[in-house]
Protein backbone atom coordinates (compact mmCIF):
# COMPACT_ATOMS: atom_id res chain seq x y z
CA MET A 1 -24.19 -41.87 2.63
CA HIS A 2 -24.36 -40.98 6.41
CA PHE A 3 -26.32 -37.96 7.53
CA PRO A 4 -26.12 -35.08 8.38
CA VAL A 5 -23.42 -34.59 6.30
CA ASN A 6 -20.83 -31.44 7.82
CA ILE A 7 -17.82 -30.00 6.62
CA PRO A 8 -15.03 -31.07 8.61
CA ILE A 9 -12.74 -28.52 9.86
CA GLY A 10 -9.84 -29.52 12.18
CA THR A 11 -11.67 -31.00 15.33
CA SER A 12 -14.86 -29.26 14.29
CA SER A 13 -17.18 -29.23 11.24
CA ILE A 14 -19.44 -26.87 9.74
CA PRO A 15 -22.91 -27.84 8.81
CA ILE A 16 -23.44 -28.23 5.11
CA HIS A 17 -26.86 -26.90 5.29
CA PHE A 18 -25.26 -23.79 6.61
CA VAL A 19 -22.97 -23.24 3.69
CA CYS A 20 -25.92 -24.13 1.06
CA GLU A 21 -28.39 -21.82 2.64
CA THR A 22 -25.46 -18.78 2.45
CA LEU A 23 -24.71 -19.95 -1.44
CA ALA A 24 -28.33 -19.57 -2.20
CA TYR A 25 -28.70 -16.24 -0.85
CA PHE A 26 -25.36 -15.07 -2.32
CA ILE A 27 -25.66 -17.15 -5.84
CA GLY A 28 -29.16 -16.36 -6.15
CA TYR A 29 -28.88 -12.46 -5.72
CA ARG A 30 -25.59 -12.82 -7.88
CA TYR A 31 -27.72 -14.34 -10.80
CA TYR A 32 -30.48 -11.81 -10.60
CA ALA A 33 -27.72 -8.98 -10.57
CA TYR A 34 -26.73 -10.56 -14.09
CA LEU A 35 -30.48 -10.64 -15.55
CA ARG A 36 -31.35 -7.11 -14.12
CA LYS A 37 -28.03 -5.84 -15.76
CA HIS A 38 -28.77 -7.49 -19.22
CA ASN A 39 -32.58 -6.97 -19.26
CA TYR A 40 -34.72 -3.97 -19.11
CA ASP A 41 -36.38 -3.15 -16.13
CA ALA A 42 -39.06 -0.96 -15.79
CA ILE A 43 -38.32 -0.55 -11.79
CA THR A 44 -36.08 2.29 -10.83
CA ALA A 45 -32.86 1.00 -8.87
CA GLU A 46 -33.91 3.02 -5.97
CA ASN A 47 -37.84 1.50 -6.16
CA ARG A 48 -36.11 -1.95 -6.43
CA LEU A 49 -34.49 -1.65 -3.11
CA ILE A 50 -37.40 -0.46 -1.13
CA ILE A 51 -39.56 -3.43 -2.78
CA PHE A 52 -36.85 -5.59 -1.67
CA ILE A 53 -36.61 -4.21 1.88
CA GLY A 54 -40.67 -4.81 1.87
CA ALA A 55 -40.29 -8.51 0.37
CA ALA A 56 -37.30 -9.22 3.01
CA ALA A 57 -39.62 -7.87 5.92
CA GLY A 58 -42.53 -9.74 4.64
CA ALA A 59 -40.78 -13.00 4.04
CA PHE A 60 -39.27 -12.85 7.66
CA ILE A 61 -42.64 -12.11 9.34
CA GLY A 62 -44.42 -14.83 7.37
CA SER A 63 -41.96 -17.72 7.31
CA HIS A 64 -41.37 -17.90 10.97
CA MET A 65 -45.42 -17.09 11.67
CA VAL A 66 -46.38 -20.08 9.72
CA GLY A 67 -43.59 -22.03 11.07
CA VAL A 68 -44.42 -21.46 14.97
CA LEU A 69 -48.31 -22.43 13.59
CA GLU A 70 -47.14 -25.56 12.21
CA ASN A 71 -47.73 -27.44 15.03
CA PRO A 72 -50.24 -25.67 17.42
CA ALA A 73 -50.02 -28.30 20.30
CA LEU A 74 -46.58 -26.50 21.00
CA LEU A 75 -47.73 -22.95 21.15
CA SER A 76 -47.65 -23.03 24.77
CA HIS A 77 -43.58 -23.01 24.54
CA PHE A 78 -43.63 -20.02 22.27
CA ASN A 79 -40.64 -17.54 22.95
CA LEU A 80 -38.68 -15.55 20.94
CA ILE A 81 -36.14 -18.34 20.47
CA TYR A 82 -38.92 -20.68 19.41
CA PHE A 83 -40.14 -18.22 17.06
CA MET A 84 -36.48 -17.44 15.42
CA GLY A 85 -36.10 -21.83 15.07
CA ASN A 86 -39.39 -22.23 13.26
CA LYS A 87 -39.81 -21.13 9.60
CA THR A 88 -41.11 -22.10 6.69
CA ILE A 89 -40.58 -21.52 3.02
CA VAL A 90 -44.36 -21.27 1.73
CA GLY A 91 -44.85 -18.72 4.78
CA GLY A 92 -41.59 -16.79 3.34
CA PHE A 93 -43.17 -16.81 -0.24
CA MET A 94 -46.54 -15.86 1.21
CA GLY A 95 -45.51 -12.98 3.42
CA GLY A 96 -42.97 -11.70 0.87
CA LEU A 97 -45.92 -11.43 -1.63
CA ILE A 98 -47.67 -9.12 1.00
CA GLY A 99 -44.55 -7.31 1.57
CA VAL A 100 -44.10 -6.48 -1.75
CA GLU A 101 -47.74 -5.46 -2.71
CA LEU A 102 -48.11 -3.28 0.07
CA THR A 103 -44.76 -1.82 -0.53
CA LYS A 104 -45.19 -1.20 -4.43
CA LYS A 105 -48.88 0.58 -3.14
CA GLN A 106 -47.08 2.82 -0.88
CA ILE A 107 -44.52 3.97 -3.52
CA GLY A 108 -46.90 3.62 -6.65
CA VAL A 109 -45.36 1.06 -8.33
CA THR A 110 -47.90 -0.95 -10.89
CA VAL A 111 -45.65 -3.04 -13.10
CA SER A 112 -44.95 -6.60 -11.82
CA SER A 113 -41.76 -6.87 -9.56
CA GLY A 114 -41.54 -10.42 -9.69
CA ASP A 115 -41.01 -11.66 -12.80
CA VAL A 116 -36.94 -10.83 -12.72
CA MET A 117 -36.48 -12.64 -9.31
CA VAL A 118 -38.33 -16.06 -10.82
CA TYR A 119 -35.10 -17.42 -12.09
CA PRO A 120 -32.73 -16.58 -9.21
CA LEU A 121 -35.26 -17.67 -6.93
CA ILE A 122 -35.70 -21.22 -8.61
CA LEU A 123 -31.76 -21.54 -8.48
CA ALA A 124 -31.36 -20.46 -4.82
CA MET A 125 -34.25 -22.90 -3.97
CA ILE A 126 -32.55 -25.66 -5.52
CA ILE A 127 -29.42 -24.81 -3.71
CA GLY A 128 -30.84 -24.64 -0.27
CA ARG A 129 -33.19 -27.98 -0.65
CA THR A 130 -30.06 -29.53 -1.58
CA GLY A 131 -28.76 -28.34 1.97
CA CYS A 132 -31.94 -29.63 3.61
CA PHE A 133 -31.52 -32.84 2.11
CA LEU A 134 -27.73 -33.19 3.19
CA ALA A 135 -28.83 -31.98 6.77
CA GLY A 136 -30.70 -35.36 7.06
CA LEU A 137 -33.12 -35.42 10.05
CA GLU A 138 -31.89 -32.05 11.79
CA ASP A 139 -33.77 -30.02 9.05
CA GLY A 140 -37.61 -31.46 9.67
CA THR A 141 -38.19 -31.43 5.62
CA PHE A 142 -37.98 -35.23 5.03
CA GLY A 143 -40.97 -37.37 4.33
CA ILE A 144 -43.01 -40.02 6.02
CA PRO A 145 -41.67 -43.81 6.00
CA SER A 146 -41.92 -45.47 2.50
CA ASN A 147 -41.06 -48.74 1.08
CA LEU A 148 -40.20 -47.32 -2.40
CA PRO A 149 -36.65 -48.00 -4.42
CA TRP A 150 -35.73 -44.50 -3.81
CA ALA A 151 -36.84 -44.31 -0.04
CA ILE A 152 -33.77 -43.05 1.97
CA ASN A 153 -32.70 -43.49 5.66
CA PHE A 154 -31.81 -40.13 6.98
CA GLY A 155 -30.09 -41.69 9.66
CA ASP A 156 -32.96 -43.21 12.05
CA GLY A 157 -32.81 -46.43 10.37
CA ILE A 158 -36.62 -45.92 8.72
CA SER A 159 -36.75 -45.32 5.07
CA ARG A 160 -38.51 -42.21 4.16
CA HIS A 161 -39.72 -40.11 1.17
CA PRO A 162 -37.08 -38.08 0.34
CA THR A 163 -39.49 -34.87 0.02
CA ASN A 164 -36.57 -32.51 -0.23
CA LEU A 165 -35.22 -34.28 -3.67
CA TYR A 166 -38.83 -34.48 -4.75
CA GLU A 167 -38.93 -30.54 -4.56
CA ILE A 168 -35.28 -30.23 -6.12
CA LEU A 169 -36.72 -32.22 -9.04
CA PHE A 170 -39.89 -29.81 -8.97
CA TRP A 171 -37.83 -26.85 -9.17
CA MET A 172 -35.75 -28.06 -11.99
CA ILE A 173 -38.92 -29.24 -14.06
CA LEU A 174 -40.34 -25.59 -13.25
CA TRP A 175 -37.53 -24.09 -14.65
CA ALA A 176 -37.37 -26.27 -18.18
CA GLY A 177 -41.31 -25.42 -18.55
CA LEU A 178 -40.49 -21.74 -18.26
CA PHE A 179 -37.72 -21.55 -20.59
CA PHE A 180 -39.43 -23.80 -23.08
CA ILE A 181 -42.91 -21.80 -22.61
CA GLU A 182 -41.12 -18.19 -22.94
CA ARG A 183 -39.35 -19.58 -26.15
CA ARG A 184 -42.44 -20.04 -27.93
CA ASN A 185 -44.68 -17.30 -26.35
CA ILE A 186 -44.31 -13.81 -24.95
CA LEU A 187 -45.64 -13.83 -21.31
CA ALA A 188 -47.68 -10.93 -20.08
CA ASP A 189 -46.73 -8.54 -17.19
CA GLY A 190 -46.21 -10.71 -14.04
CA ALA A 191 -47.27 -13.96 -15.82
CA ARG A 192 -43.72 -15.58 -14.89
CA PHE A 193 -43.99 -15.13 -11.26
CA LYS A 194 -47.86 -15.94 -11.05
CA ILE A 195 -46.69 -19.55 -12.81
CA MET A 196 -43.91 -19.99 -10.35
CA MET A 197 -46.22 -19.22 -7.30
CA THR A 198 -48.75 -21.12 -8.27
CA SER A 199 -47.39 -24.36 -9.33
CA TYR A 200 -45.29 -24.07 -5.99
CA LEU A 201 -48.36 -23.84 -3.87
CA VAL A 202 -50.01 -26.71 -5.51
CA PHE A 203 -47.10 -28.74 -5.18
CA ARG A 204 -46.59 -27.84 -1.43
CA LEU A 205 -50.26 -28.36 -0.98
CA GLY A 206 -50.26 -32.10 -2.43
CA VAL A 207 -46.37 -32.82 -1.42
CA GLU A 208 -47.57 -32.11 2.32
CA PHE A 209 -49.45 -35.32 2.39
CA ILE A 210 -46.38 -37.52 2.62
CA LYS A 211 -44.78 -35.48 5.18
CA PRO A 212 -44.89 -36.03 9.24
CA ASP A 213 -46.93 -32.50 9.50
CA TYR A 214 -49.64 -31.87 11.87
CA PHE A 215 -53.03 -32.58 10.58
CA PHE A 216 -56.28 -30.81 12.01
CA SER A 217 -59.29 -33.42 12.26
CA PHE A 218 -60.39 -32.04 8.61
CA GLY A 219 -57.39 -33.68 7.14
CA LEU A 220 -55.13 -30.79 6.47
CA SER A 221 -52.18 -28.90 7.63
CA VAL A 222 -51.29 -25.32 8.51
CA ILE A 223 -49.11 -25.32 5.52
CA GLN A 224 -51.74 -26.52 3.33
CA LEU A 225 -54.17 -23.90 4.27
CA VAL A 226 -51.63 -21.44 3.62
CA CYS A 227 -51.19 -22.85 0.09
CA LEU A 228 -55.03 -22.80 -0.49
CA ILE A 229 -55.19 -19.04 0.71
CA GLY A 230 -52.49 -18.50 -1.90
CA ILE A 231 -54.11 -20.67 -4.75
CA LEU A 232 -57.35 -18.37 -4.16
CA TYR A 233 -55.38 -15.12 -4.43
CA TYR A 234 -54.61 -16.36 -7.72
CA TYR A 235 -57.48 -18.05 -8.49
CA LYS A 236 -57.76 -16.38 -12.42
CA VAL A 237 -54.33 -18.31 -13.33
CA PHE A 238 -56.81 -21.18 -13.23
CA ILE A 239 -60.00 -20.17 -14.66
CA SER A 240 -58.05 -17.91 -17.40
CA PRO A 241 -54.55 -19.51 -18.07
CA LYS A 242 -54.67 -17.96 -21.31
CA SER A 243 -54.29 -14.57 -19.83
CA LEU A 244 -50.95 -15.26 -18.78
CA ILE A 245 -49.49 -15.13 -22.66
CA GLN A 246 -49.57 -11.74 -24.16
CA ASN A 247 -48.87 -12.71 -27.52
CA HIS A 248 -46.90 -15.71 -29.72
CA ALA A 249 -43.36 -15.01 -29.80
């Protein structure tokens, strides 16, 4: 396979990453709409829309803010183009979480709004990360050089950890794990979303060690620091995991 993978159209081509990212949004939303239609939702359609707007605004700001902070040495080049060109999923998740919580407080919603979004988000992430993998070096989600049998040459002659594939595998395992947990138990309100968030934050905290990030002198990157903030926010999940289970099904 030659990277990046693009879709040829005449003398030009469309980046497969753009196609996958677009499909991730479209299919993820359609899956959410399907689940909401076939399951009870305590939140009204109007409040759902308001929460979506809050989530989108928070995710946009958080994704780009953490993205531009990933390499502090480049902050001297900060401008609108640099801001828009740098983004990260971890920042998007954390920014979206803040946006949702602030929005819900303003409109008086107290029940969980994230549970119904978990499976659509997982599906969207699998599709999106597939695009990241096919984009090769252009996407910047590859890992450090490796001699492992499954290491991949993304086009520069260096075999690297395919960290984007590791993430796809993580999402698949999480999906299957949640499915089997919910077959045997009834989760408490908001538990599904908490499991997704804490699992992903722990995963990213670990996988960043095998990515060519900017690390501070104390050995952590900006993304890892954001992950730690998120893990501390959800500390109750780790000290009392049984609280996630409402009762046995």
